Amino acid sequence: MRKITTKDIVSNALIAALYVVLTLITYPISYQGIQFRFAEVLVLLCFFRKDYSIGLIIGCAIANLASSIGLVDVGFGTLATVIACVGIMFSKHLAIACLFPVVANGFIVGFELWKFLGAPFWISVGTVAAGEFAVMVVGYILFMVLKRRKTFFDTIRANQNIAFKW
């Protein structure tokens, strides 16, 4: 087991804070049925470093406290992020990694909106998944561009998937 360093704690705290800030400054489009939560791009950091899932999960839980359904969203939304992060952490292809948040958020948040807000189930699944897909396309492009910069991998302290192709 690797020793957790102060740098690891600070990195995860920064990721959590960035997730919360990005979610809250885009509040009107970060919650409910049609959501484009731009902070979700950050979950792709788990592709390069598994331990960043901690900051992402904590950031998601904190951001979901601001949801109109509060603790329900903390539970369900954070569960979707946990599942997405686990899938991403073990992916070997960035394009496949992008599918985990789409599916997890689509079904889990879609179920949440159906169960607690009375929204139509399949429409909720579809709109949440579509919003997540759009954000993942942006994230995929962003990380494909960033991979060309050697300093990117050093900055995020990447320790896996450094030589990814797609």
Protein backbone atom coordinates (compact mmCIF):
# COMPACT_ATOMS: atom_id res chain seq x y z
CA MET A 1 0.00 0.00 0.00
CA ARG A 2 1.36 3.37 -1.01
CA LYS A 3 1.82 6.01 1.66
CA ILE A 4 -0.56 8.98 1.35
CA THR A 5 1.38 12.22 1.13
CA THR A 6 0.46 15.80 1.88
CA LYS A 7 0.67 16.42 -1.87
CA ASP A 8 -1.98 13.70 -2.42
CA ILE A 9 -4.32 15.29 0.13
CA VAL A 10 -3.85 18.78 -1.30
CA SER A 11 -4.38 17.55 -4.87
CA ASN A 12 -7.63 15.83 -3.93
CA ALA A 13 -8.80 18.87 -1.96
CA LEU A 14 -8.15 21.08 -5.00
CA ILE A 15 -10.02 18.67 -7.27
CA ALA A 16 -12.97 18.57 -4.85
CA ALA A 17 -13.04 22.36 -4.58
CA LEU A 18 -12.82 22.78 -8.35
CA TYR A 19 -15.68 20.31 -8.85
CA VAL A 20 -17.86 22.21 -6.37
CA VAL A 21 -17.04 25.63 -7.83
CA LEU A 22 -17.60 24.53 -11.44
CA THR A 23 -20.93 22.98 -10.47
CA LEU A 24 -22.17 25.95 -8.47
CA ILE A 25 -21.19 28.63 -10.98
CA THR A 26 -23.19 26.75 -13.60
CA TYR A 27 -26.03 26.02 -11.16
CA PRO A 28 -28.97 26.47 -13.58
CA ILE A 29 -27.65 23.77 -15.90
CA SER A 30 -25.96 21.51 -13.32
CA TYR A 31 -29.06 20.00 -11.74
CA GLN A 32 -32.45 18.46 -12.64
CA GLY A 33 -33.41 16.70 -15.86
CA ILE A 34 -31.37 18.41 -18.53
CA GLN A 35 -27.99 18.89 -16.98
CA PHE A 36 -24.67 19.90 -18.41
CA ARG A 37 -22.46 19.61 -15.36
CA PHE A 38 -19.15 20.79 -16.76
CA ALA A 39 -17.39 19.70 -13.57
CA GLU A 40 -17.93 16.13 -14.76
CA VAL A 41 -15.01 16.58 -17.17
CA LEU A 42 -12.84 16.23 -14.07
CA VAL A 43 -13.87 12.58 -13.55
CA LEU A 44 -11.61 11.74 -16.49
CA LEU A 45 -8.66 12.57 -14.24
CA CYS A 46 -9.21 9.10 -12.72
CA PHE A 47 -8.06 7.69 -16.05
CA PHE A 48 -4.58 9.02 -15.29
CA ARG A 49 -4.52 8.70 -11.52
CA LYS A 50 -6.88 6.43 -9.55
CA ASP A 51 -6.61 8.27 -6.24
CA TYR A 52 -8.14 11.41 -7.75
CA SER A 53 -11.45 9.60 -7.41
CA ILE A 54 -11.43 10.60 -3.73
CA GLY A 55 -11.49 14.33 -4.47
CA LEU A 56 -14.07 13.84 -7.22
CA ILE A 57 -16.42 11.85 -5.00
CA ILE A 58 -16.11 14.33 -2.14
CA GLY A 59 -16.58 17.27 -4.52
CA CYS A 60 -19.68 15.67 -6.04
CA ALA A 61 -21.20 15.01 -2.61
CA ILE A 62 -20.61 18.60 -1.51
CA ALA A 63 -21.93 20.04 -4.79
CA ASN A 64 -25.05 17.88 -4.55
CA LEU A 65 -25.93 19.47 -1.21
CA ALA A 66 -27.01 22.50 -3.28
CA SER A 67 -29.48 20.41 -5.28
CA SER A 68 -33.19 21.07 -4.86
CA ILE A 69 -33.52 17.53 -3.47
CA GLY A 70 -30.46 17.85 -1.21
CA LEU A 71 -29.47 14.69 0.63
CA VAL A 72 -31.27 12.48 -1.87
CA ASP A 73 -29.01 13.87 -4.60
CA VAL A 74 -26.00 13.53 -2.33
CA GLY A 75 -26.74 9.81 -2.09
CA PHE A 76 -27.79 9.00 -5.64
CA GLY A 77 -25.61 11.48 -7.51
CA THR A 78 -22.55 10.54 -5.52
CA LEU A 79 -23.24 6.85 -6.11
CA ALA A 80 -23.27 7.55 -9.85
CA THR A 81 -19.90 9.30 -9.53
CA VAL A 82 -18.43 6.40 -7.53
CA ILE A 83 -19.50 3.91 -10.22
CA ALA A 84 -18.23 6.17 -13.01
CA CYS A 85 -14.87 6.70 -11.30
CA VAL A 86 -14.35 2.98 -10.72
CA GLY A 87 -15.04 2.24 -14.37
CA ILE A 88 -12.76 5.04 -15.53
CA MET A 89 -9.94 4.00 -13.19
CA PHE A 90 -9.68 0.58 -14.80
CA SER A 91 -10.21 1.63 -18.43
CA LYS A 92 -7.37 1.44 -20.89
CA HIS A 93 -9.03 3.60 -23.58
CA LEU A 94 -10.17 7.15 -22.95
CA ALA A 95 -13.17 6.85 -25.29
CA ILE A 96 -14.46 3.83 -23.35
CA ALA A 97 -13.77 5.59 -20.05
CA CYS A 98 -16.10 8.38 -21.19
CA LEU A 99 -19.01 5.94 -21.37
CA PHE A 100 -19.02 5.11 -17.64
CA PRO A 101 -20.26 8.55 -16.48
CA VAL A 102 -22.85 8.64 -19.27
CA VAL A 103 -24.39 5.31 -18.31
CA ALA A 104 -24.03 5.67 -14.52
CA ASN A 105 -25.45 9.19 -14.37
CA GLY A 106 -28.10 8.48 -16.99
CA PHE A 107 -29.61 5.57 -15.11
CA ILE A 108 -28.96 6.51 -11.49
CA VAL A 109 -29.83 10.21 -11.73
CA GLY A 110 -32.64 9.37 -14.15
CA PHE A 111 -34.06 6.97 -11.56
CA GLU A 112 -33.65 9.61 -8.86
CA LEU A 113 -35.57 12.21 -10.89
CA TRP A 114 -38.32 9.67 -11.60
CA LYS A 115 -38.60 8.41 -8.01
CA PHE A 116 -38.35 11.70 -6.14
CA LEU A 117 -39.54 14.35 -8.59
CA GLY A 118 -42.05 12.33 -10.62
CA ALA A 119 -40.27 12.94 -13.92
CA PRO A 120 -40.82 10.38 -16.70
CA PHE A 121 -38.22 7.62 -16.23
CA TRP A 122 -36.94 7.06 -19.76
CA ILE A 123 -37.00 10.74 -20.63
CA SER A 124 -35.00 11.47 -17.48
CA VAL A 125 -32.49 8.74 -18.28
CA GLY A 126 -32.17 10.06 -21.82
CA THR A 127 -31.77 13.73 -20.99
CA VAL A 128 -29.28 13.14 -18.18
CA ALA A 129 -27.28 10.74 -20.36
CA ALA A 130 -27.37 13.18 -23.30
CA GLY A 131 -26.08 16.04 -21.14
CA GLU A 132 -23.37 13.81 -19.70
CA PHE A 133 -22.44 12.59 -23.19
CA ALA A 134 -22.02 16.17 -24.40
CA VAL A 135 -19.76 16.97 -21.45
CA MET A 136 -17.73 13.77 -22.02
CA VAL A 137 -17.21 14.68 -25.70
CA VAL A 138 -15.78 18.02 -24.55
CA GLY A 139 -13.66 16.21 -21.96
CA TYR A 140 -12.39 13.69 -24.49
CA ILE A 141 -11.32 16.44 -26.87
CA LEU A 142 -9.77 18.43 -24.03
CA PHE A 143 -7.69 15.49 -22.79
CA MET A 144 -6.65 14.52 -26.34
CA VAL A 145 -5.30 18.06 -26.75
CA LEU A 146 -3.69 18.15 -23.30
CA LYS A 147 -1.92 14.81 -23.81
CA ARG A 148 0.29 16.51 -26.40
CA ARG A 149 1.81 18.64 -23.66
CA LYS A 150 4.40 16.84 -21.55
CA THR A 151 3.79 19.27 -18.71
CA PHE A 152 0.17 18.08 -18.47
CA PHE A 153 1.13 14.63 -17.19
CA ASP A 154 3.68 16.11 -14.81
CA THR A 155 1.18 18.67 -13.50
CA ILE A 156 -1.49 16.09 -12.71
CA ARG A 157 1.17 13.63 -11.51
CA ALA A 158 -0.20 10.94 -13.84
CA ASN A 159 0.84 7.41 -12.95
CA GLN A 160 -1.20 5.35 -15.46
CA ASN A 161 -2.45 5.47 -19.07
CA ILE A 162 0.20 8.03 -20.01
CA ALA A 163 0.70 6.50 -23.46
CA PHE A 164 -3.02 6.17 -24.25
CA LYS A 165 -3.99 6.40 -27.90
CA TRP A 166 -7.68 7.20 -27.86
